Every structure is written in structure tokens, then in C-alpha cells.
Amino acid sequence: MPASLLPPAQIAVTIALAGWMLTRFFTNVPGRWMRWAMFCRANFTIATLAGTKDGRTEPVNVYAYLSPGSFVLGPPQLQAILIYLTRSGRYDRIDGHGRLLDADGERPLTVEDSHVVR
């Protein structure tokens, strides 16, 4: 191949590869632009919870019960923490609401009587 054709060929291949990557590796969820599928596989919950013990209610920070460095709290992990808090006797029940973020977008999340309801 002549040296003069090499740079245009490299540019064309680079543009084609970049275009293919943009259409293949980013999801096309309505209302969302350029979401990389790798990060869409995780579930995240953001919740405001209140625990009740002997008729008194106080806010519950479930993120304090995650291992150091963890920030991903999916519904199964949230349920495990709720079970721990109620079975240990710290709270009689935990209620609250929040949002579930996953590959399908955002959805409401409810915690009723220490059970995660999607």
C-alpha cells in the first residue's frame, strides 16, 4: 500500500470503529443518552428509612452497615441489612421509600414492615 493512502485509511478505519462502538456499547434507553452497558448491570438503591422501636421512630442509615469502600446497595443487600436490624432487636420495624436505579431506569422503591417492595 502506498504511504500516501495510509493516513486516510487509518482515519477511515478509526471513524468506522468509533461509530460501531458508539452504536454497540452504549444503551439506548429512552430519555438517556450515551449510557455504557457495563454500568447498567448494577442495581443501586437510594432510600430514606425510619426505624420504630417501642413506639419511637428514628432515621435509619443503612449505608453505615456496608463494608468499607462499598457504595452499591441493591435490593437484596438492603433486605439483608433490614433483616439484621430487626432480628438483632435494634428496631421492631423499618419503613421508608426511595428509588431503584438499574438498566431499566429509575423506579420507586418502598420498604414496608422491614420488607423491600419494588
N, C-alpha and C. Protein backbone atom coordinates (compact mmCIF):
# COMPACT_ATOMS: atom_id res chain seq x y z
N MET A 1 0.85 -1.18 0.00
CA MET A 1 0.00 0.00 0.00
C MET A 1 0.90 1.24 0.00
N PRO A 2 0.63 2.21 -0.87
CA PRO A 2 1.45 3.42 -0.91
C PRO A 2 1.32 4.20 0.39
N ALA A 3 2.39 4.87 0.77
CA ALA A 3 2.42 5.63 2.02
C ALA A 3 1.40 6.76 2.03
N SER A 4 1.05 7.30 0.88
CA SER A 4 0.10 8.41 0.83
C SER A 4 -1.33 7.96 1.14
N LEU A 5 -1.66 6.68 0.98
CA LEU A 5 -3.00 6.17 1.27
C LEU A 5 -3.15 5.71 2.71
N LEU A 6 -2.05 5.52 3.41
CA LEU A 6 -2.12 5.00 4.76
C LEU A 6 -2.84 5.94 5.74
N PRO A 7 -2.51 7.22 5.85
CA PRO A 7 -3.23 8.09 6.80
C PRO A 7 -4.74 8.18 6.52
N PRO A 8 -5.21 8.35 5.27
CA PRO A 8 -6.65 8.37 5.06
C PRO A 8 -7.32 7.03 5.41
N ALA A 9 -6.63 5.94 5.16
CA ALA A 9 -7.18 4.62 5.51
C ALA A 9 -7.27 4.47 7.02
N GLN A 10 -6.26 4.92 7.74
CA GLN A 10 -6.29 4.85 9.20
C GLN A 10 -7.42 5.70 9.76
N ILE A 11 -7.62 6.88 9.20
CA ILE A 11 -8.69 7.76 9.65
C ILE A 11 -10.05 7.12 9.40
N ALA A 12 -10.22 6.53 8.23
CA ALA A 12 -11.50 5.88 7.89
C ALA A 12 -11.78 4.70 8.82
N VAL A 13 -10.77 3.89 9.08
CA VAL A 13 -10.94 2.75 9.99
C VAL A 13 -11.24 3.24 11.40
N THR A 14 -10.57 4.28 11.84
CA THR A 14 -10.80 4.82 13.18
C THR A 14 -12.22 5.36 13.31
N ILE A 15 -12.70 6.08 12.34
CA ILE A 15 -14.07 6.62 12.36
C ILE A 15 -15.08 5.49 12.35
N ALA A 16 -14.85 4.48 11.52
CA ALA A 16 -15.76 3.33 11.46
C ALA A 16 -15.79 2.59 12.79
N LEU A 17 -14.64 2.37 13.41
CA LEU A 17 -14.57 1.69 14.69
C LEU A 17 -15.25 2.50 15.79
N ALA A 18 -15.02 3.81 15.81
CA ALA A 18 -15.66 4.66 16.81
C ALA A 18 -17.18 4.67 16.63
N GLY A 19 -17.65 4.73 15.41
CA GLY A 19 -19.09 4.68 15.15
C GLY A 19 -19.70 3.37 15.58
N TRP A 20 -19.01 2.28 15.30
CA TRP A 20 -19.51 0.96 15.72
C TRP A 20 -19.57 0.87 17.23
N MET A 21 -18.55 1.37 17.92
CA MET A 21 -18.53 1.32 19.38
C MET A 21 -19.66 2.16 19.98
N LEU A 22 -19.92 3.32 19.40
CA LEU A 22 -21.00 4.17 19.92
C LEU A 22 -22.35 3.51 19.78
N THR A 23 -22.58 2.82 18.68
CA THR A 23 -23.88 2.17 18.48
C THR A 23 -23.99 0.84 19.19
N ARG A 24 -22.88 0.19 19.46
CA ARG A 24 -22.92 -1.15 20.04
C ARG A 24 -22.81 -1.15 21.56
N PHE A 25 -21.94 -0.33 22.11
CA PHE A 25 -21.62 -0.44 23.53
C PHE A 25 -22.37 0.52 24.43
N PHE A 26 -23.18 1.40 23.89
CA PHE A 26 -23.99 2.28 24.71
C PHE A 26 -25.45 1.88 24.55
N THR A 27 -26.20 1.89 25.67
CA THR A 27 -27.60 1.51 25.61
C THR A 27 -28.42 2.65 25.06
N ASN A 28 -29.60 2.33 24.58
CA ASN A 28 -30.48 3.36 24.03
C ASN A 28 -31.78 3.42 24.81
N VAL A 29 -31.67 3.56 26.12
CA VAL A 29 -32.84 3.70 26.97
C VAL A 29 -33.49 5.05 26.67
N PRO A 30 -34.81 5.09 26.47
CA PRO A 30 -35.46 6.37 26.16
C PRO A 30 -35.19 7.41 27.24
N GLY A 31 -34.85 8.60 26.81
CA GLY A 31 -34.58 9.68 27.73
C GLY A 31 -33.17 9.71 28.27
N ARG A 32 -32.37 8.73 27.93
CA ARG A 32 -30.98 8.65 28.40
C ARG A 32 -30.06 8.63 27.19
N TRP A 33 -28.97 9.32 27.26
CA TRP A 33 -28.02 9.36 26.16
C TRP A 33 -26.69 8.79 26.62
N MET A 34 -26.09 7.99 25.80
CA MET A 34 -24.73 7.51 25.99
C MET A 34 -24.51 6.82 27.34
N ARG A 35 -25.36 5.85 27.68
CA ARG A 35 -25.18 5.08 28.90
C ARG A 35 -24.42 3.82 28.55
N TRP A 36 -23.29 3.61 29.20
CA TRP A 36 -22.47 2.45 28.91
C TRP A 36 -23.09 1.24 29.58
N ALA A 37 -23.28 0.18 28.83
CA ALA A 37 -23.99 -1.00 29.31
C ALA A 37 -23.30 -1.65 30.51
N MET A 38 -21.99 -1.54 30.61
CA MET A 38 -21.29 -2.15 31.74
C MET A 38 -21.79 -1.60 33.07
N PHE A 39 -22.08 -0.31 33.13
CA PHE A 39 -22.54 0.28 34.37
C PHE A 39 -24.04 0.10 34.58
N CYS A 40 -24.75 -0.34 33.56
CA CYS A 40 -26.19 -0.51 33.67
C CYS A 40 -26.55 -1.87 34.26
N ARG A 41 -25.60 -2.72 34.53
CA ARG A 41 -25.87 -4.04 35.06
C ARG A 41 -26.08 -4.03 36.58
N ALA A 42 -25.63 -3.01 37.25
CA ALA A 42 -25.73 -2.95 38.70
C ALA A 42 -27.06 -2.33 39.11
N ASN A 43 -27.51 -2.68 40.31
CA ASN A 43 -28.70 -2.07 40.91
C ASN A 43 -28.25 -1.19 42.05
N PHE A 44 -28.79 0.01 42.11
CA PHE A 44 -28.48 0.92 43.18
C PHE A 44 -29.79 1.34 43.83
N THR A 45 -29.78 1.45 45.14
CA THR A 45 -30.95 1.96 45.84
C THR A 45 -30.56 3.21 46.61
N ILE A 46 -31.46 4.15 46.60
CA ILE A 46 -31.32 5.36 47.41
C ILE A 46 -32.60 5.42 48.23
N ALA A 47 -32.48 5.29 49.53
CA ALA A 47 -33.68 5.17 50.35
C ALA A 47 -33.59 6.05 51.59
N THR A 48 -34.75 6.54 52.00
CA THR A 48 -34.92 7.25 53.26
C THR A 48 -35.75 6.35 54.15
N LEU A 49 -35.16 5.88 55.23
CA LEU A 49 -35.82 4.89 56.08
C LEU A 49 -35.98 5.41 57.51
N ALA A 50 -37.01 4.90 58.17
CA ALA A 50 -37.26 5.23 59.57
C ALA A 50 -37.53 3.94 60.33
N GLY A 51 -36.80 3.75 61.42
CA GLY A 51 -36.98 2.56 62.25
C GLY A 51 -37.80 2.88 63.48
N THR A 52 -38.65 1.93 63.86
CA THR A 52 -39.52 2.11 65.03
C THR A 52 -39.13 1.09 66.09
N LYS A 53 -38.92 1.56 67.32
CA LYS A 53 -38.61 0.70 68.46
C LYS A 53 -39.35 1.24 69.66
N ASP A 54 -40.22 0.42 70.23
CA ASP A 54 -41.01 0.80 71.40
C ASP A 54 -41.80 2.08 71.18
N GLY A 55 -42.35 2.25 69.98
CA GLY A 55 -43.18 3.40 69.67
C GLY A 55 -42.42 4.66 69.27
N ARG A 56 -41.10 4.63 69.37
CA ARG A 56 -40.30 5.79 68.98
C ARG A 56 -39.72 5.54 67.59
N THR A 57 -39.70 6.58 66.78
CA THR A 57 -39.20 6.48 65.41
C THR A 57 -37.94 7.32 65.25
N GLU A 58 -36.96 6.76 64.56
CA GLU A 58 -35.72 7.48 64.28
C GLU A 58 -35.23 7.12 62.88
N PRO A 59 -34.46 8.00 62.26
CA PRO A 59 -33.95 7.71 60.92
C PRO A 59 -32.94 6.55 60.97
N VAL A 60 -32.92 5.77 59.90
CA VAL A 60 -32.01 4.63 59.79
C VAL A 60 -31.06 4.88 58.62
N ASN A 61 -29.77 4.77 58.89
CA ASN A 61 -28.75 4.92 57.85
C ASN A 61 -28.21 3.51 57.52
N VAL A 62 -28.78 2.88 56.50
CA VAL A 62 -28.35 1.53 56.14
C VAL A 62 -26.96 1.53 55.52
N TYR A 63 -26.52 2.65 55.00
CA TYR A 63 -25.20 2.72 54.38
C TYR A 63 -24.08 2.56 55.41
N ALA A 64 -24.39 2.80 56.68
CA ALA A 64 -23.40 2.60 57.74
C ALA A 64 -23.10 1.12 57.96
N TYR A 65 -23.95 0.25 57.47
CA TYR A 65 -23.77 -1.19 57.66
C TYR A 65 -23.10 -1.87 56.47
N LEU A 66 -22.72 -1.11 55.44
CA LEU A 66 -21.98 -1.67 54.32
C LEU A 66 -20.51 -1.80 54.69
N SER A 67 -19.82 -2.72 54.05
CA SER A 67 -18.39 -2.87 54.31
C SER A 67 -17.65 -1.63 53.80
N PRO A 68 -16.52 -1.31 54.40
CA PRO A 68 -15.77 -0.10 54.00
C PRO A 68 -15.42 -0.13 52.50
N GLY A 69 -15.66 1.00 51.85
CA GLY A 69 -15.38 1.11 50.43
C GLY A 69 -16.54 0.72 49.54
N SER A 70 -17.58 0.12 50.11
CA SER A 70 -18.75 -0.28 49.32
C SER A 70 -19.70 0.89 49.19
N PHE A 71 -20.31 0.99 48.04
CA PHE A 71 -21.32 2.03 47.85
C PHE A 71 -22.51 1.49 47.07
N VAL A 72 -22.41 0.28 46.55
CA VAL A 72 -23.51 -0.31 45.79
C VAL A 72 -24.42 -1.03 46.77
N LEU A 73 -25.65 -0.60 46.82
CA LEU A 73 -26.64 -1.21 47.71
C LEU A 73 -27.84 -1.59 46.87
N GLY A 74 -27.90 -2.84 46.46
CA GLY A 74 -29.03 -3.34 45.69
C GLY A 74 -30.14 -3.80 46.61
N PRO A 75 -31.31 -4.12 46.06
CA PRO A 75 -32.42 -4.58 46.89
C PRO A 75 -32.10 -5.81 47.75
N PRO A 76 -31.36 -6.83 47.25
CA PRO A 76 -31.05 -7.96 48.13
C PRO A 76 -30.17 -7.56 49.32
N GLN A 77 -29.20 -6.69 49.09
CA GLN A 77 -28.35 -6.24 50.19
C GLN A 77 -29.13 -5.39 51.18
N LEU A 78 -30.03 -4.55 50.65
CA LEU A 78 -30.88 -3.74 51.53
C LEU A 78 -31.76 -4.64 52.39
N GLN A 79 -32.32 -5.67 51.79
CA GLN A 79 -33.17 -6.60 52.55
C GLN A 79 -32.37 -7.31 53.62
N ALA A 80 -31.14 -7.71 53.31
CA ALA A 80 -30.30 -8.38 54.30
C ALA A 80 -30.01 -7.47 55.49
N ILE A 81 -29.75 -6.20 55.24
CA ILE A 81 -29.50 -5.26 56.33
C ILE A 81 -30.77 -5.04 57.15
N LEU A 82 -31.92 -4.96 56.49
CA LEU A 82 -33.18 -4.80 57.22
C LEU A 82 -33.45 -6.00 58.12
N ILE A 83 -33.18 -7.20 57.62
CA ILE A 83 -33.36 -8.42 58.43
C ILE A 83 -32.43 -8.38 59.64
N TYR A 84 -31.18 -8.00 59.41
CA TYR A 84 -30.22 -7.92 60.52
C TYR A 84 -30.70 -6.93 61.58
N LEU A 85 -31.15 -5.76 61.16
CA LEU A 85 -31.54 -4.73 62.12
C LEU A 85 -32.78 -5.11 62.92
N THR A 86 -33.71 -5.83 62.30
CA THR A 86 -34.91 -6.22 63.04
C THR A 86 -34.67 -7.46 63.90
N ARG A 87 -33.92 -8.43 63.40
CA ARG A 87 -33.65 -9.64 64.19
C ARG A 87 -32.71 -9.38 65.35
N SER A 88 -31.85 -8.39 65.22
CA SER A 88 -30.94 -8.06 66.33
C SER A 88 -31.66 -7.31 67.45
N GLY A 89 -32.90 -6.89 67.18
CA GLY A 89 -33.68 -6.18 68.19
C GLY A 89 -33.46 -4.68 68.20
N ARG A 90 -32.69 -4.17 67.27
CA ARG A 90 -32.45 -2.73 67.22
C ARG A 90 -33.74 -1.99 66.88
N TYR A 91 -34.53 -2.55 65.95
CA TYR A 91 -35.82 -1.95 65.57
C TYR A 91 -36.88 -3.03 65.52
N ASP A 92 -38.13 -2.62 65.82
CA ASP A 92 -39.26 -3.53 65.67
C ASP A 92 -39.67 -3.63 64.21
N ARG A 93 -39.61 -2.51 63.52
CA ARG A 93 -39.95 -2.46 62.10
C ARG A 93 -39.26 -1.27 61.46
N ILE A 94 -39.06 -1.37 60.14
CA ILE A 94 -38.44 -0.29 59.38
C ILE A 94 -39.31 -0.01 58.17
N ASP A 95 -39.61 1.25 57.95
CA ASP A 95 -40.42 1.67 56.82
C ASP A 95 -39.71 2.81 56.10
N GLY A 96 -40.07 2.99 54.84
CA GLY A 96 -39.49 4.10 54.10
C GLY A 96 -39.77 4.01 52.62
N HIS A 97 -39.11 4.88 51.88
CA HIS A 97 -39.29 4.93 50.44
C HIS A 97 -37.98 5.38 49.79
N GLY A 98 -37.89 5.16 48.51
CA GLY A 98 -36.69 5.58 47.80
C GLY A 98 -36.80 5.29 46.31
N ARG A 99 -35.65 5.18 45.67
CA ARG A 99 -35.58 4.94 44.23
C ARG A 99 -34.66 3.76 43.96
N LEU A 100 -35.02 2.96 42.97
CA LEU A 100 -34.19 1.87 42.49
C LEU A 100 -33.66 2.29 41.12
N LEU A 101 -32.36 2.30 40.96
CA LEU A 101 -31.73 2.68 39.71
C LEU A 101 -31.09 1.43 39.11
N ASP A 102 -31.48 1.09 37.89
CA ASP A 102 -30.89 -0.06 37.22
C ASP A 102 -30.92 0.17 35.72
N ALA A 103 -30.70 -0.88 34.94
CA ALA A 103 -30.62 -0.74 33.48
C ALA A 103 -31.93 -0.26 32.87
N ASP A 104 -33.04 -0.47 33.54
CA ASP A 104 -34.34 -0.03 33.03
C ASP A 104 -34.67 1.41 33.39
N GLY A 105 -33.78 2.07 34.12
CA GLY A 105 -34.03 3.45 34.52
C GLY A 105 -34.29 3.54 36.01
N GLU A 106 -35.10 4.50 36.40
CA GLU A 106 -35.44 4.72 37.81
C GLU A 106 -36.86 4.25 38.07
N ARG A 107 -37.03 3.58 39.22
CA ARG A 107 -38.35 3.14 39.64
C ARG A 107 -38.50 3.39 41.13
N PRO A 108 -39.72 3.57 41.58
CA PRO A 108 -39.91 3.76 43.02
C PRO A 108 -39.63 2.48 43.80
N LEU A 109 -39.16 2.65 45.02
CA LEU A 109 -38.86 1.54 45.91
C LEU A 109 -39.51 1.85 47.25
N THR A 110 -40.17 0.88 47.82
CA THR A 110 -40.84 1.08 49.09
C THR A 110 -40.38 0.01 50.07
N VAL A 111 -40.21 0.40 51.32
CA VAL A 111 -39.91 -0.54 52.39
C VAL A 111 -41.10 -0.49 53.35
N GLU A 112 -41.78 -1.63 53.48
CA GLU A 112 -42.96 -1.73 54.34
C GLU A 112 -42.74 -2.86 55.33
N ASP A 113 -42.85 -2.56 56.59
CA ASP A 113 -42.71 -3.56 57.67
C ASP A 113 -41.43 -4.37 57.48
N SER A 114 -40.33 -3.69 57.22
CA SER A 114 -39.00 -4.28 57.08
C SER A 114 -38.84 -5.19 55.87
N HIS A 115 -39.65 -5.00 54.86
CA HIS A 115 -39.54 -5.78 53.61
C HIS A 115 -39.45 -4.82 52.42
N VAL A 116 -38.52 -5.11 51.53
CA VAL A 116 -38.34 -4.30 50.33
C VAL A 116 -39.44 -4.66 49.32
N VAL A 117 -40.19 -3.66 48.89
CA VAL A 117 -41.24 -3.84 47.90
C VAL A 117 -40.87 -2.99 46.69
N ARG A 118 -40.80 -3.62 45.54
CA ARG A 118 -40.43 -2.85 44.33
C ARG A 118 -41.65 -2.36 43.62
